[in-house]
Protein backbone atom coordinates (compact mmCIF):
# COMPACT_ATOMS: atom_id res chain seq x y z
CA MET A 1 104.56 115.47 65.04
CA PRO A 2 107.59 114.91 67.79
CA HIS A 3 107.39 112.17 70.95
CA ALA A 4 106.71 112.88 74.36
CA PRO A 5 109.28 112.74 76.68
CA LEU A 6 108.79 108.67 77.43
CA SER A 7 107.79 107.06 74.27
CA ILE A 8 106.77 103.28 74.10
CA ARG A 9 107.05 101.63 71.07
CA GLY A 10 105.72 98.15 69.73
CA LEU A 11 106.43 96.15 73.71
CA VAL A 12 106.65 92.62 73.53
CA LYS A 13 107.31 90.64 76.16
CA ILE A 14 107.06 86.91 76.50
CA HIS A 15 108.34 84.85 79.40
CA PRO A 16 109.32 81.37 79.22
CA GLY A 17 106.18 78.97 78.72
CA PRO A 18 105.65 80.86 76.56
CA VAL A 19 103.65 83.57 78.03
CA CYS A 20 102.98 86.59 76.31
CA ALA A 21 103.04 89.46 79.29
CA LEU A 22 102.70 92.24 77.05
CA ARG A 23 101.52 92.04 73.72
CA GLY A 24 102.87 95.57 71.70
CA VAL A 25 102.30 98.13 73.57
CA ASP A 26 102.58 101.65 72.00
CA LEU A 27 102.30 104.48 74.36
CA GLU A 28 103.38 108.65 74.44
CA ILE A 29 103.32 109.62 78.05
CA ALA A 30 103.92 113.24 78.83
CA GLU A 31 105.17 115.08 82.04
CA GLY A 32 103.46 114.92 84.99
CA MET A 33 100.97 111.76 86.45
CA TYR A 34 99.67 108.67 84.55
CA GLY A 35 97.96 105.87 85.19
CA LEU A 36 98.34 102.03 84.26
CA LEU A 37 95.43 100.41 85.54
CA GLY A 38 94.24 96.86 85.03
CA PRO A 39 93.80 94.04 87.37
CA ASN A 40 96.42 91.91 88.30
CA GLY A 41 98.41 89.48 85.37
CA ALA A 42 97.30 91.85 83.07
CA GLY A 43 101.34 93.03 82.57
CA LYS A 44 101.37 96.52 84.39
CA SER A 45 104.59 95.14 86.63
CA THR A 46 105.88 93.63 83.27
CA PHE A 47 106.01 96.77 81.96
CA MET A 48 106.64 99.55 85.08
CA ASN A 49 110.01 96.76 85.32
CA ILE A 50 110.45 97.21 81.55
CA VAL A 51 110.43 101.02 81.98
CA ALA A 52 113.34 100.87 85.03
CA GLY A 53 115.35 98.97 83.30
CA LEU A 54 114.80 95.84 85.48
CA ILE A 55 114.31 93.29 82.49
CA GLU A 56 114.59 93.64 79.08
CA PRO A 57 111.37 93.28 76.39
CA THR A 58 111.56 90.72 73.93
CA ALA A 59 110.82 93.29 71.23
CA GLY A 60 109.80 96.93 70.94
CA SER A 61 111.74 100.60 72.40
CA VAL A 62 111.30 102.58 75.35
CA VAL A 63 112.76 105.99 74.33
CA LEU A 64 113.14 108.23 77.02
CA ASP A 65 114.26 112.16 76.34
CA GLY A 66 115.58 111.01 73.44
CA VAL A 67 117.61 107.62 74.58
CA ASP A 68 116.62 104.41 73.98
CA ILE A 69 116.20 103.00 77.59
CA VAL A 70 116.25 99.02 76.00
CA GLN A 71 119.65 99.67 74.85
CA ASN A 72 121.01 101.77 77.74
CA PRO A 73 119.30 100.76 80.72
CA ARG A 74 121.89 102.68 82.64
CA PHE A 75 120.48 106.11 80.95
CA VAL A 76 116.79 105.22 83.57
CA ARG A 77 118.16 103.84 86.36
CA GLU A 78 120.49 107.15 86.96
CA ARG A 79 117.39 108.98 86.67
CA LEU A 80 114.49 107.09 88.18
CA GLY A 81 112.85 106.65 92.03
CA TYR A 82 111.23 103.13 92.00
CA LEU A 83 108.63 102.13 95.07
CA PRO A 84 108.00 98.17 93.51
CA GLN A 85 104.67 96.28 94.66
CA ASP A 86 107.05 94.15 97.24
CA PHE A 87 109.83 96.11 98.73
CA GLY A 88 112.30 94.52 101.38
CA PHE A 89 113.34 95.88 104.15
CA TYR A 90 115.69 94.71 107.15
CA PRO A 91 113.26 93.92 110.21
CA ASP A 92 116.06 94.88 112.60
CA LEU A 93 117.04 97.88 111.61
CA SER A 94 115.09 101.20 112.49
CA GLY A 95 112.94 103.46 110.24
CA LYS A 96 115.68 105.95 109.64
CA ALA A 97 119.06 103.40 109.94
CA MET A 98 117.09 101.31 107.17
CA LEU A 99 116.65 104.43 104.62
CA GLU A 100 119.98 105.71 105.51
CA PHE A 101 121.03 102.25 104.38
CA LEU A 102 119.02 103.01 101.09
CA LEU A 103 120.41 106.28 100.24
CA LYS A 104 123.73 105.28 100.94
CA MET A 105 123.37 102.24 98.59
CA LYS A 106 121.96 105.02 95.54
CA GLY A 107 124.23 107.01 96.05
CA ILE A 108 122.03 110.02 97.83
CA THR A 109 123.02 112.68 100.21
CA GLY A 110 121.98 115.87 100.80
CA PRO A 111 123.57 119.36 102.05
CA LYS A 112 123.57 118.37 105.40
CA GLY A 113 124.37 115.20 104.97
CA ARG A 114 122.49 111.92 104.29
CA GLY A 115 121.30 111.72 108.23
CA ALA A 116 119.46 115.29 107.88
CA LEU A 117 117.85 114.15 104.13
CA ALA A 118 116.83 111.07 105.80
CA ASP A 119 115.20 112.97 108.52
CA GLU A 120 113.42 115.79 105.91
CA LEU A 121 112.24 111.86 103.80
CA LEU A 122 110.13 110.38 106.94
CA GLU A 123 108.75 114.08 107.59
CA ARG A 124 107.39 114.20 104.31
CA VAL A 125 106.47 110.47 104.77
CA ASN A 126 104.43 110.96 108.04
CA LEU A 127 107.04 108.76 109.59
CA THR A 128 109.05 110.86 112.07
CA SER A 129 107.24 109.82 114.75
CA ALA A 130 108.31 105.63 114.21
CA ALA A 131 112.16 107.19 113.24
CA LYS A 132 113.48 104.70 116.05
CA ARG A 133 111.57 101.98 115.54
CA LYS A 134 112.03 98.73 114.22
CA VAL A 135 110.99 98.02 110.30
CA GLY A 136 109.99 94.58 111.90
CA GLY A 137 107.02 96.54 113.85
CA TYR A 138 106.12 98.42 111.14
CA SER A 139 102.44 97.99 109.57
CA GLY A 140 101.44 97.15 105.98
CA GLY A 141 100.98 101.02 105.32
CA MET A 142 104.36 102.08 107.29
CA ARG A 143 106.58 100.24 105.02
CA GLN A 144 104.54 101.44 101.95
CA ARG A 145 105.54 105.17 102.71
CA LEU A 146 109.50 103.93 104.02
CA GLY A 147 109.60 102.67 100.16
CA LEU A 148 108.31 106.27 99.19
CA ALA A 149 110.54 107.89 100.93
CA GLN A 150 113.46 106.09 98.91
CA ALA A 151 111.59 106.57 96.30
CA ILE A 152 111.66 110.29 96.12
CA ALA A 153 114.96 110.78 97.43
CA GLY A 154 117.30 112.35 94.56
CA ASN A 155 114.64 114.40 92.84
CA PRO A 156 114.17 111.53 90.04
CA ARG A 157 112.89 112.22 86.45
CA VAL A 158 110.81 109.26 86.36
CA LEU A 159 109.03 108.06 89.50
CA ILE A 160 107.83 104.98 89.17
CA VAL A 161 104.74 103.66 92.22
CA ASP A 162 103.75 100.10 91.61
CA GLU A 163 100.16 99.42 93.50
CA PRO A 164 101.33 101.63 95.99
CA THR A 165 98.01 102.64 98.23
CA ALA A 166 97.62 98.54 99.76
CA GLY A 167 97.48 98.34 103.31
CA LEU A 168 97.06 102.30 103.44
CA ASP A 169 93.74 103.26 105.56
CA PRO A 170 92.42 106.42 104.54
CA GLU A 171 93.86 108.98 105.76
CA GLU A 172 97.38 107.71 104.95
CA ARG A 173 96.17 107.37 101.20
CA GLN A 174 95.26 111.08 100.82
CA ARG A 175 98.82 112.11 102.90
CA PHE A 176 100.09 109.76 99.84
CA TYR A 177 97.64 111.09 97.24
CA ARG A 178 99.33 114.45 98.25
CA LEU A 179 102.82 113.38 98.13
CA LEU A 180 102.59 112.13 94.99
CA GLY A 181 100.65 115.23 93.10
CA GLU A 182 103.83 117.35 94.72
CA MET A 183 106.53 115.39 92.91
CA SER A 184 104.89 114.95 89.26
CA ALA A 185 105.76 119.02 88.27
CA GLY A 186 108.30 119.12 85.79
CA ARG A 187 108.19 114.69 85.82
CA ILE A 188 106.84 111.43 84.66
CA VAL A 189 105.59 110.01 87.23
CA LEU A 190 104.07 106.38 86.67
CA LEU A 191 100.99 104.89 88.30
CA SER A 192 100.81 101.04 88.09
CA THR A 193 97.38 99.80 89.89
CA HIS A 194 93.99 98.20 90.07
CA ILE A 195 92.70 100.97 92.04
CA VAL A 196 90.11 103.08 90.02
CA GLU A 197 90.50 105.64 93.25
CA ASP A 198 93.70 105.88 92.98
CA VAL A 199 93.85 107.15 88.56
CA SER A 200 90.49 108.91 89.11
CA THR A 201 92.44 111.53 91.81
CA LEU A 202 95.76 111.58 90.40
CA CYS A 203 95.67 110.93 86.77
CA PRO A 204 95.06 113.31 84.19
CA ARG A 205 95.44 110.11 81.51
CA LEU A 206 95.78 106.80 81.74
CA ALA A 207 96.20 103.61 79.70
CA VAL A 208 93.92 100.69 80.64
CA ILE A 209 95.69 97.33 80.12
CA ARG A 210 94.35 93.61 79.90
CA ALA A 211 96.11 90.67 78.84
CA GLY A 212 98.97 92.53 78.33
CA GLU A 213 97.18 94.73 75.62
CA VAL A 214 96.55 98.21 76.34
CA VAL A 215 92.66 98.52 75.50
CA ALA A 216 92.53 102.19 75.58
CA ASP A 217 94.73 105.32 76.53
CA THR A 218 92.13 107.86 77.40
CA THR A 219 91.33 110.55 79.85
CA PRO A 220 89.70 109.84 82.99
CA SER A 221 86.41 112.28 82.20
CA VAL A 222 86.67 110.89 78.45
CA ALA A 223 86.20 107.50 79.85
CA ARG A 224 83.61 108.12 82.25
CA GLU A 225 81.44 110.39 79.31
CA SER A 226 81.60 107.30 77.05
CA VAL A 227 79.38 105.02 79.05
CA ASP A 228 76.85 107.99 80.08
CA GLY A 229 73.65 107.14 79.73
CA MET A 230 74.62 103.25 78.93
CA ILE A 231 75.10 102.15 82.75
CA HIS A 232 71.80 101.10 84.89
CA GLU A 233 71.29 100.20 88.06
CA GLY A 234 68.55 97.75 89.93
CA PHE A 235 68.12 94.78 92.75
CA VAL A 236 68.64 91.32 91.86
CA ALA A 237 68.00 88.46 94.27
CA ASP A 238 70.89 86.21 95.23
CA ALA A 239 69.16 83.13 94.26
CA ALA A 240 68.17 85.13 90.42
CA LEU A 241 72.09 86.85 90.48
CA PRO A 242 73.54 83.81 87.93
CA ALA A 243 70.39 83.47 85.50
CA PHE A 244 70.61 87.06 85.50
CA ALA A 245 73.81 87.63 84.52
CA LYS A 246 73.57 85.36 81.32
CA GLU A 247 70.73 87.49 79.96
CA HIS A 248 72.14 91.16 80.97
CA ARG A 249 75.98 92.52 80.65
CA VAL A 250 76.57 92.69 84.36
CA ILE A 251 79.66 95.05 85.18
CA SER A 252 79.33 95.40 88.95
CA ALA A 253 77.05 93.11 91.82
CA VAL A 254 77.19 93.73 95.65
CA LEU A 255 75.09 92.17 98.19
CA ASN A 256 72.78 94.66 99.61
CA GLU A 257 71.74 93.76 103.49
CA GLY A 258 72.33 90.10 103.08
CA ARG A 259 69.24 89.46 100.60
CA ASN A 260 69.59 91.32 97.04
CA ASN A 261 72.53 92.48 94.95
CA ARG A 262 72.50 96.09 93.96
CA VAL A 263 73.80 95.64 90.29
CA ARG A 264 74.99 98.24 88.13
CA VAL A 265 74.86 96.64 83.93
CA TYR A 266 76.05 97.84 80.83
CA VAL A 267 73.19 99.06 78.04
CA GLY A 268 74.62 98.87 74.63
CA GLU A 269 73.65 100.54 72.00
CA GLY A 270 70.42 98.55 70.59
CA SER A 271 69.83 96.70 74.11
CA THR A 272 67.39 97.02 76.51
CA ALA A 273 67.70 97.96 80.23
CA PRO A 274 66.29 94.70 82.71
CA ALA A 275 62.44 95.64 83.73
CA GLY A 276 63.05 97.99 86.81
CA PHE A 277 66.21 99.10 86.33
CA LEU A 278 67.11 103.05 86.13
CA ARG A 279 69.35 104.82 84.33
CA SER A 280 72.87 106.02 86.76
CA PRO A 281 75.12 108.47 86.20
CA SER A 282 78.58 106.68 84.80
CA THR A 283 81.98 106.72 86.60
CA LEU A 284 85.29 105.85 86.27
CA GLU A 285 84.82 102.49 87.76
CA ASP A 286 82.11 101.40 84.97
CA ALA A 287 83.84 102.76 82.27
CA TYR A 288 87.04 100.43 83.53
CA LEU A 289 84.49 97.18 84.04
CA VAL A 290 83.09 98.24 80.59
CA LEU A 291 86.70 97.58 79.08
CA MET A 292 87.45 94.74 81.55
CA ARG A 293 84.08 92.39 80.88
CA CYS A 294 82.90 93.63 77.37
CA ALA A 295 84.49 92.53 74.14
CA ARG A 296 85.84 95.09 71.73
CA HIS A 297 82.69 95.43 69.29
CA GLU A 298 80.43 96.13 72.17
CA LEU A 299 82.27 98.81 73.61
CA PRO A 300 81.23 102.67 72.78
CA PRO A 301 83.22 104.30 70.04
CA ALA A 302 85.41 106.20 72.56
CA LEU A 303 86.39 103.31 74.46
CA SER A 304 86.75 100.93 71.34
CA HIS A 305 90.16 102.38 70.71
CA ALA A 306 93.07 103.92 72.14
CA VAL A 307 93.52 107.98 72.24
CA PRO A 308 96.40 108.99 71.44
CA VAL A 309 98.22 111.43 73.69
CA ALA A 310 100.19 114.74 72.07
CA ALA A 311 102.91 115.44 73.13
CA GLY A 312 103.60 117.44 75.94
CA SER A 313 99.62 117.48 76.50
CA VAL A 314 98.08 115.40 79.90
CA GLY A 315 94.64 115.94 79.09
CA GLY A 316 91.91 116.87 81.49
CA ALA A 317 91.42 115.25 84.82
CA ALA A 318 88.24 114.58 86.18
C-alpha cells in the first residue's frame, strides 16, 4: 500500500535530562484536516516542530510527498505555513505593517504587490478595521488572527496550527473554523490542540497523544461510538466526590449550583454503573477522556489500538 502524502515512521525525540517527548510515533496523514489531540505536555508541539523542520528528531523519518524532510528540512520550509502557539510581534507596528514585514521576510508578494496582499489577508481574518492599529493594542484573539494571516500566505502545501483557538471568543472561533475549512482542500492541515471542540468540528481524522505516544489514530465518529453505552451520568455531593472517584472511573465532574457535581463515569465491560446513574449519549470528549484516564487494558477494543489510515483516505467526520 502506498504511503499517504505525509508519512511519519518511528519518530522519537529525547530532550536533555533525559526527557522522552515522543516515543515511536507512526502516522499516515492524508490531505485535508488532521487533528492531533492531547493535553499540554503530551508531545504535540514537539511533533509539530519536527514536521515543520524546526528541530531534528532523535530517531525516525518524516516523509512529505516522497521527500524525507529530516534529511532535507528546506523542502518542507518552502512549502509550509505555520502558526505556532506563541507568536511574537513588534508591538509598535500597525497590523498591516507587521503583516507586510512578515510577508517580506517570507519572500511572498501578490500580483498587485505586497500591500494589496496584506489587505486581502487582513480581510480574510476579519482584521481590516484594525489594520492601522498598533499590534500592541490587539487582543489575544486579534493577534492569533494576524498570525493566521501570515500562515496562509503563499498557498502552503502544509499548514500547521498549534493551539490556535486560545483567546478567541465564540464568533472569532467560528470564523477561524471556516477559514481553516476553506484552506484544507488540496493540502495537509495539521491542527494541534487540547480543545476537543476544535477537532470534532474540523477534523475527519485525528490522533490522540498521551505522554509522547499515539494512543489512538481514528475518526471522531469511531472514537465516539467506541464508548457508546459505556458512559453514565449522575450527581455526587462535593464532599463525597474523592471517595466516589476511588470506586468508579470518573472521566469528568462539573460543579453544579455550588453543591453537587454532575459526574460522568466510564463503565467498562464487566463493571456496574453507580446507583442512581443513568446511561448518557457518548461524545468525542468522553472518548478522549477515557483515553487520557484509563490504562490500555481498560479501553474498549475500538480505542485500544491505533486505526491505520489508508493512503488518500480522510475517514468520516462526526
